[in-house]
Amino acid sequence: MFNLILFGPPGSGKGTQSEKLIAKYGLKHLSTGDLLRSEIAGGTALGLAAKSIMDKGQLVPDEVVIGMISSALDNNPDAQGFLFDGFPRTAAQAEALDKLLELKDTSIGVMLALEVSEEELVKRLLKRGETSGRSDDTNESIIRARITEYQNKTTAVADYYRNFDKVVMIKGEGSIDDIFNRLSKEIDERI
């Protein structure tokens, strides 16, 4: 089983590249947002607990999210591996994820981080905002604040995985295929 974390700031192309990587390597996409929505829609105990917390405007605790990831792993025993998207966001979450994966006799193979200049990100997001219907993609100051928040939060996660020599920075500019080939090269070296 091969597990990877795909990181990148808003507008870096994570969504596009995730789809291509999932198709090529047969990975199961694990997005914590999707997991939360699925557990809530399914009325599971974890989903009801998460909904209660979210309804109060609070963040879902790490142990609830880890519980949902554990369920997703258990519910997909035939998966070739998992692509983690949007998680972990903190060093504590990374540590909890590693402990969970160890219990399941697997681990993170690599953390691939897409690097894109801030100006390119702003340009991409403003362009996406023309068609996405997302108001946070139409305001440059909000876009820049999102990029800064991403950089502030994810540095600790990258530092955590650097301790295990699992972080690879990938140039996230160029054609979609060029970026995909760079990502694939790193994965192929580890499978």
C-alpha atoms as a PDB file:
ATOM      1  CA  MET A   1       0.000   0.000   0.000  1.00  0.00           C
ATOM      2  CA  PHE A   2       1.334   3.409  -0.973  1.00  0.00           C
ATOM      3  CA  ASN A   3       0.102   6.508   0.850  1.00  0.00           C
ATOM      4  CA  LEU A   4       0.935  10.057  -0.061  1.00  0.00           C
ATOM      5  CA  ILE A   5       0.106  13.545   1.088  1.00  0.00           C
ATOM      6  CA  LEU A   6      -0.403  16.115  -1.645  1.00  0.00           C
ATOM      7  CA  PHE A   7       0.174  19.652  -0.435  1.00  0.00           C
ATOM      8  CA  GLY A   8      -0.110  22.957  -2.145  1.00  0.00           C
ATOM      9  CA  PRO A   9      -1.541  26.398  -1.583  1.00  0.00           C
ATOM     10  CA  PRO A  10      -4.943  27.395  -2.966  1.00  0.00           C
ATOM     11  CA  GLY A  11      -4.687  27.535  -6.749  1.00  0.00           C
ATOM     12  CA  SER A  12      -1.640  25.251  -6.966  1.00  0.00           C
ATOM     13  CA  GLY A  13      -3.491  22.607  -8.976  1.00  0.00           C
ATOM     14  CA  LYS A  14      -3.963  20.030  -6.202  1.00  0.00           C
ATOM     15  CA  GLY A  15      -7.463  19.104  -7.357  1.00  0.00           C
ATOM     16  CA  THR A  16      -6.429  18.599 -10.968  1.00  0.00           C
ATOM     17  CA  GLN A  17      -3.309  16.638 -10.049  1.00  0.00           C
ATOM     18  CA  SER A  18      -5.145  14.556  -7.410  1.00  0.00           C
ATOM     19  CA  GLU A  19      -7.589  13.294 -10.033  1.00  0.00           C
ATOM     20  CA  LYS A  20      -4.762  12.308 -12.383  1.00  0.00           C
ATOM     21  CA  LEU A  21      -2.745  10.592  -9.618  1.00  0.00           C
ATOM     22  CA  ILE A  22      -5.789   8.672  -8.373  1.00  0.00           C
ATOM     23  CA  ALA A  23      -6.510   7.445 -11.898  1.00  0.00           C
ATOM     24  CA  LYS A  24      -2.905   6.437 -12.622  1.00  0.00           C
ATOM     25  CA  TYR A  25      -2.057   4.750  -9.318  1.00  0.00           C
ATOM     26  CA  GLY A  26      -5.461   3.450  -8.192  1.00  0.00           C
ATOM     27  CA  LEU A  27      -5.321   5.458  -4.976  1.00  0.00           C
ATOM     28  CA  LYS A  28      -8.319   6.256  -2.803  1.00  0.00           C
ATOM     29  CA  HIS A  29      -8.804  10.013  -2.342  1.00  0.00           C
ATOM     30  CA  LEU A  30      -9.098  10.966   1.324  1.00  0.00           C
ATOM     31  CA  SER A  31     -10.317  14.521   1.773  1.00  0.00           C
ATOM     32  CA  THR A  32     -11.210  15.318   5.367  1.00  0.00           C
ATOM     33  CA  GLY A  33     -13.951  17.675   4.176  1.00  0.00           C
ATOM     34  CA  ASP A  34     -15.506  14.884   2.107  1.00  0.00           C
ATOM     35  CA  LEU A  35     -15.148  12.439   5.012  1.00  0.00           C
ATOM     36  CA  LEU A  36     -16.907  14.835   7.382  1.00  0.00           C
ATOM     37  CA  ARG A  37     -19.781  15.401   4.948  1.00  0.00           C
ATOM     38  CA  SER A  38     -20.111  11.653   4.315  1.00  0.00           C
ATOM     39  CA  GLU A  39     -20.130  10.720   8.016  1.00  0.00           C
ATOM     40  CA  ILE A  40     -22.689  13.451   8.769  1.00  0.00           C
ATOM     41  CA  ALA A  41     -24.896  12.407   5.833  1.00  0.00           C
ATOM     42  CA  GLY A  42     -24.630   8.775   6.962  1.00  0.00           C
ATOM     43  CA  GLY A  43     -25.688   9.677  10.492  1.00  0.00           C
ATOM     44  CA  THR A  44     -22.760   7.778  12.010  1.00  0.00           C
ATOM     45  CA  ALA A  45     -21.749   8.334  15.631  1.00  0.00           C
ATOM     46  CA  LEU A  46     -18.632  10.185  14.463  1.00  0.00           C
ATOM     47  CA  GLY A  47     -20.706  12.217  11.996  1.00  0.00           C
ATOM     48  CA  LEU A  48     -23.235  13.220  14.644  1.00  0.00           C
ATOM     49  CA  ALA A  49     -20.426  14.205  17.022  1.00  0.00           C
ATOM     50  CA  ALA A  50     -18.770  16.273  14.298  1.00  0.00           C
ATOM     51  CA  LYS A  51     -22.050  17.955  13.325  1.00  0.00           C
ATOM     52  CA  SER A  52     -22.743  18.921  16.924  1.00  0.00           C
ATOM     53  CA  ILE A  53     -19.297  20.528  17.189  1.00  0.00           C
ATOM     54  CA  MET A  54     -19.552  22.249  13.792  1.00  0.00           C
ATOM     55  CA  ASP A  55     -23.034  23.586  14.601  1.00  0.00           C
ATOM     56  CA  LYS A  56     -21.447  25.466  17.508  1.00  0.00           C
ATOM     57  CA  GLY A  57     -18.937  27.027  15.088  1.00  0.00           C
ATOM     58  CA  GLN A  58     -16.027  25.029  16.500  1.00  0.00           C
ATOM     59  CA  LEU A  59     -13.344  23.013  14.725  1.00  0.00           C
ATOM     60  CA  VAL A  60     -13.752  19.253  14.764  1.00  0.00           C
ATOM     61  CA  PRO A  61     -11.142  17.817  17.174  1.00  0.00           C
ATOM     62  CA  ASP A  62      -8.250  15.848  15.729  1.00  0.00           C
ATOM     63  CA  GLU A  63      -9.360  12.607  17.396  1.00  0.00           C
ATOM     64  CA  VAL A  64     -12.725  12.756  15.592  1.00  0.00           C
ATOM     65  CA  VAL A  65     -11.039  13.377  12.240  1.00  0.00           C
ATOM     66  CA  ILE A  66      -8.532  10.567  12.905  1.00  0.00           C
ATOM     67  CA  GLY A  67     -11.478   8.295  13.773  1.00  0.00           C
ATOM     68  CA  MET A  68     -13.061   9.097  10.409  1.00  0.00           C
ATOM     69  CA  ILE A  69      -9.792   8.393   8.604  1.00  0.00           C
ATOM     70  CA  SER A  70      -9.507   5.093  10.474  1.00  0.00           C
ATOM     71  CA  SER A  71     -13.015   4.155   9.300  1.00  0.00           C
ATOM     72  CA  ALA A  72     -12.154   5.114   5.712  1.00  0.00           C
ATOM     73  CA  LEU A  73      -9.028   2.936   5.833  1.00  0.00           C
ATOM     74  CA  ASP A  74     -11.005   0.004   7.259  1.00  0.00           C
ATOM     75  CA  ASN A  75     -13.774   0.443   4.673  1.00  0.00           C
ATOM     76  CA  ASN A  76     -11.309   0.255   1.760  1.00  0.00           C
ATOM     77  CA  PRO A  77      -9.199  -2.847   2.459  1.00  0.00           C
ATOM     78  CA  ASP A  78      -8.447  -3.411  -1.235  1.00  0.00           C
ATOM     79  CA  ALA A  79      -7.151   0.111  -1.905  1.00  0.00           C
ATOM     80  CA  GLN A  80      -3.732   0.381  -3.553  1.00  0.00           C
ATOM     81  CA  GLY A  81      -3.091   3.284  -1.194  1.00  0.00           C
ATOM     82  CA  PHE A  82      -4.480   6.629  -0.157  1.00  0.00           C
ATOM     83  CA  LEU A  83      -3.950  10.193  -1.293  1.00  0.00           C
ATOM     84  CA  PHE A  84      -4.407  12.530   1.670  1.00  0.00           C
ATOM     85  CA  ASP A  85      -5.746  15.941   0.699  1.00  0.00           C
ATOM     86  CA  GLY A  86      -6.173  18.733   3.238  1.00  0.00           C
ATOM     87  CA  PHE A  87      -4.861  16.628   6.091  1.00  0.00           C
ATOM     88  CA  PRO A  88      -2.743  16.743   8.131  1.00  0.00           C
ATOM     89  CA  ARG A  89      -2.722  20.504   8.690  1.00  0.00           C
ATOM     90  CA  THR A  90      -0.667  20.552  11.893  1.00  0.00           C
ATOM     91  CA  ALA A  91       2.323  18.649  13.254  1.00  0.00           C
ATOM     92  CA  ALA A  92       0.051  17.096  15.920  1.00  0.00           C
ATOM     93  CA  GLN A  93      -2.271  15.805  13.189  1.00  0.00           C
ATOM     94  CA  ALA A  94       0.716  14.431  11.258  1.00  0.00           C
ATOM     95  CA  GLU A  95       1.902  12.590  14.346  1.00  0.00           C
ATOM     96  CA  ALA A  96      -1.601  11.200  15.022  1.00  0.00           C
ATOM     97  CA  LEU A  97      -1.920  10.112  11.377  1.00  0.00           C
ATOM     98  CA  ASP A  98       1.441   8.334  11.513  1.00  0.00           C
ATOM     99  CA  LYS A  99       0.409   6.487  14.692  1.00  0.00           C
ATOM    100  CA  LEU A 100      -2.870   5.414  13.098  1.00  0.00           C
ATOM    101  CA  LEU A 101      -1.161   4.224   9.922  1.00  0.00           C
ATOM    102  CA  GLU A 102       1.400   2.309  11.990  1.00  0.00           C
ATOM    103  CA  LEU A 103      -1.467   0.469  13.726  1.00  0.00           C
ATOM    104  CA  LYS A 104      -2.725  -0.473  10.248  1.00  0.00           C
ATOM    105  CA  ASP A 105       0.748  -1.678   9.170  1.00  0.00           C
ATOM    106  CA  THR A 106       1.300   1.117   6.679  1.00  0.00           C
ATOM    107  CA  SER A 107       2.805   4.606   6.545  1.00  0.00           C
ATOM    108  CA  ILE A 108       3.096   7.788   4.516  1.00  0.00           C
ATOM    109  CA  GLY A 109       5.384   7.131   1.557  1.00  0.00           C
ATOM    110  CA  VAL A 110       5.971  10.756   0.625  1.00  0.00           C
ATOM    111  CA  MET A 111       4.641  14.259   1.052  1.00  0.00           C
ATOM    112  CA  LEU A 112       4.619  16.028  -2.315  1.00  0.00           C
ATOM    113  CA  ALA A 113       4.346  19.800  -2.014  1.00  0.00           C
ATOM    114  CA  LEU A 114       3.489  21.889  -5.061  1.00  0.00           C
ATOM    115  CA  GLU A 115       5.465  25.127  -5.182  1.00  0.00           C
ATOM    116  CA  VAL A 116       3.894  27.996  -7.105  1.00  0.00           C
ATOM    117  CA  SER A 117       4.812  31.679  -6.904  1.00  0.00           C
ATOM    118  CA  GLU A 118       2.327  33.905  -5.105  1.00  0.00           C
ATOM    119  CA  GLU A 119       1.758  35.988  -8.231  1.00  0.00           C
ATOM    120  CA  GLU A 120       0.918  32.868 -10.263  1.00  0.00           C
ATOM    121  CA  LEU A 121      -1.451  31.649  -7.519  1.00  0.00           C
ATOM    122  CA  VAL A 122      -3.264  34.986  -7.450  1.00  0.00           C
ATOM    123  CA  LYS A 123      -3.544  34.974 -11.242  1.00  0.00           C
ATOM    124  CA  ARG A 124      -4.906  31.396 -11.297  1.00  0.00           C
ATOM    125  CA  LEU A 125      -7.414  31.995  -8.506  1.00  0.00           C
ATOM    126  CA  LEU A 126      -8.733  35.235 -10.012  1.00  0.00           C
ATOM    127  CA  LYS A 127      -9.186  33.366 -13.309  1.00  0.00           C
ATOM    128  CA  ARG A 128     -10.915  30.480 -11.510  1.00  0.00           C
ATOM    129  CA  GLY A 129     -13.119  33.036  -9.754  1.00  0.00           C
ATOM    130  CA  GLU A 130     -14.550  34.109 -13.098  1.00  0.00           C
ATOM    131  CA  THR A 131     -16.267  30.729 -13.453  1.00  0.00           C
ATOM    132  CA  SER A 132     -16.167  28.957 -10.061  1.00  0.00           C
ATOM    133  CA  GLY A 133     -18.841  30.981  -8.314  1.00  0.00           C
ATOM    134  CA  ARG A 134     -16.561  31.088  -5.267  1.00  0.00           C
ATOM    135  CA  SER A 135     -16.507  34.591  -3.834  1.00  0.00           C
ATOM    136  CA  ASP A 136     -13.156  33.920  -2.133  1.00  0.00           C
ATOM    137  CA  ASP A 137     -11.629  33.494  -5.619  1.00  0.00           C
ATOM    138  CA  THR A 138     -12.620  36.971  -6.782  1.00  0.00           C
ATOM    139  CA  ASN A 139     -10.993  39.200  -4.153  1.00  0.00           C
ATOM    140  CA  GLU A 140      -7.216  39.571  -4.392  1.00  0.00           C
ATOM    141  CA  SER A 141      -6.719  40.560  -0.739  1.00  0.00           C
ATOM    142  CA  ILE A 142      -8.712  37.507   0.430  1.00  0.00           C
ATOM    143  CA  ILE A 143      -6.687  35.304  -1.933  1.00  0.00           C
ATOM    144  CA  ARG A 144      -3.404  36.643  -0.537  1.00  0.00           C
ATOM    145  CA  ALA A 145      -4.645  36.108   3.030  1.00  0.00           C
ATOM    146  CA  ARG A 146      -5.528  32.473   2.183  1.00  0.00           C
ATOM    147  CA  ILE A 147      -2.060  31.920   0.738  1.00  0.00           C
ATOM    148  CA  THR A 148      -0.424  33.391   3.850  1.00  0.00           C
ATOM    149  CA  GLU A 149      -2.597  31.243   6.121  1.00  0.00           C
ATOM    150  CA  TYR A 150      -1.645  28.147   4.125  1.00  0.00           C
ATOM    151  CA  GLN A 151       2.055  28.979   4.415  1.00  0.00           C
ATOM    152  CA  ASN A 152       1.824  29.658   8.157  1.00  0.00           C
ATOM    153  CA  LYS A 153      -0.077  26.461   8.935  1.00  0.00           C
ATOM    154  CA  THR A 154       1.638  23.963   6.690  1.00  0.00           C
ATOM    155  CA  THR A 155       5.253  24.804   7.430  1.00  0.00           C
ATOM    156  CA  ALA A 156       5.045  22.749  10.632  1.00  0.00           C
ATOM    157  CA  VAL A 157       3.688  19.712   8.757  1.00  0.00           C
ATOM    158  CA  ALA A 158       6.461  19.888   6.171  1.00  0.00           C
ATOM    159  CA  ASP A 159       9.027  20.263   8.966  1.00  0.00           C
ATOM    160  CA  TYR A 160       7.570  17.183  10.693  1.00  0.00           C
ATOM    161  CA  TYR A 161       7.872  15.002   7.574  1.00  0.00           C
ATOM    162  CA  ARG A 162      11.318  16.421   6.769  1.00  0.00           C
ATOM    163  CA  ASN A 163      12.494  14.707   9.969  1.00  0.00           C
ATOM    164  CA  PHE A 164      11.733  11.428   8.167  1.00  0.00           C
ATOM    165  CA  ASP A 165      13.093  12.555   4.786  1.00  0.00           C
ATOM    166  CA  LYS A 166       9.625  12.322   3.237  1.00  0.00           C
ATOM    167  CA  VAL A 167       9.132  15.831   1.790  1.00  0.00           C
ATOM    168  CA  VAL A 168       9.665  16.549  -1.888  1.00  0.00           C
ATOM    169  CA  MET A 169       9.064  20.016  -3.281  1.00  0.00           C
ATOM    170  CA  ILE A 170       7.596  19.924  -6.799  1.00  0.00           C
ATOM    171  CA  LYS A 171       7.619  22.851  -9.208  1.00  0.00           C
ATOM    172  CA  GLY A 172       3.908  23.513  -9.672  1.00  0.00           C
ATOM    173  CA  GLU A 173       4.217  25.787 -12.687  1.00  0.00           C
ATOM    174  CA  GLY A 174       4.165  24.728 -16.323  1.00  0.00           C
ATOM    175  CA  SER A 175       1.690  22.558 -18.176  1.00  0.00           C
ATOM    176  CA  ILE A 176      -0.628  20.202 -16.288  1.00  0.00           C
ATOM    177  CA  ASP A 177       1.174  17.258 -17.898  1.00  0.00           C
ATOM    178  CA  ASP A 178       4.642  18.581 -16.979  1.00  0.00           C
ATOM    179  CA  ILE A 179       3.603  18.936 -13.337  1.00  0.00           C
ATOM    180  CA  PHE A 180       1.943  15.493 -13.389  1.00  0.00           C
ATOM    181  CA  ASN A 181       5.119  13.949 -14.803  1.00  0.00           C
ATOM    182  CA  ARG A 182       7.191  15.519 -12.006  1.00  0.00           C
ATOM    183  CA  LEU A 183       4.797  14.138  -9.385  1.00  0.00           C
ATOM    184  CA  SER A 184       4.696  10.701 -11.033  1.00  0.00           C
ATOM    185  CA  LYS A 185       8.495  10.521 -11.175  1.00  0.00           C
ATOM    186  CA  GLU A 186       8.711  10.988  -7.399  1.00  0.00           C
ATOM    187  CA  ILE A 187       5.999   8.398  -6.758  1.00  0.00           C
ATOM    188  CA  ASP A 188       7.536   5.876  -9.172  1.00  0.00           C
ATOM    189  CA  GLU A 189      10.843   6.112  -7.321  1.00  0.00           C
ATOM    190  CA  ARG A 190       9.112   5.087  -4.080  1.00  0.00           C
ATOM    191  CA  ILE A 191       6.662   2.397  -5.137  1.00  0.00           C
END
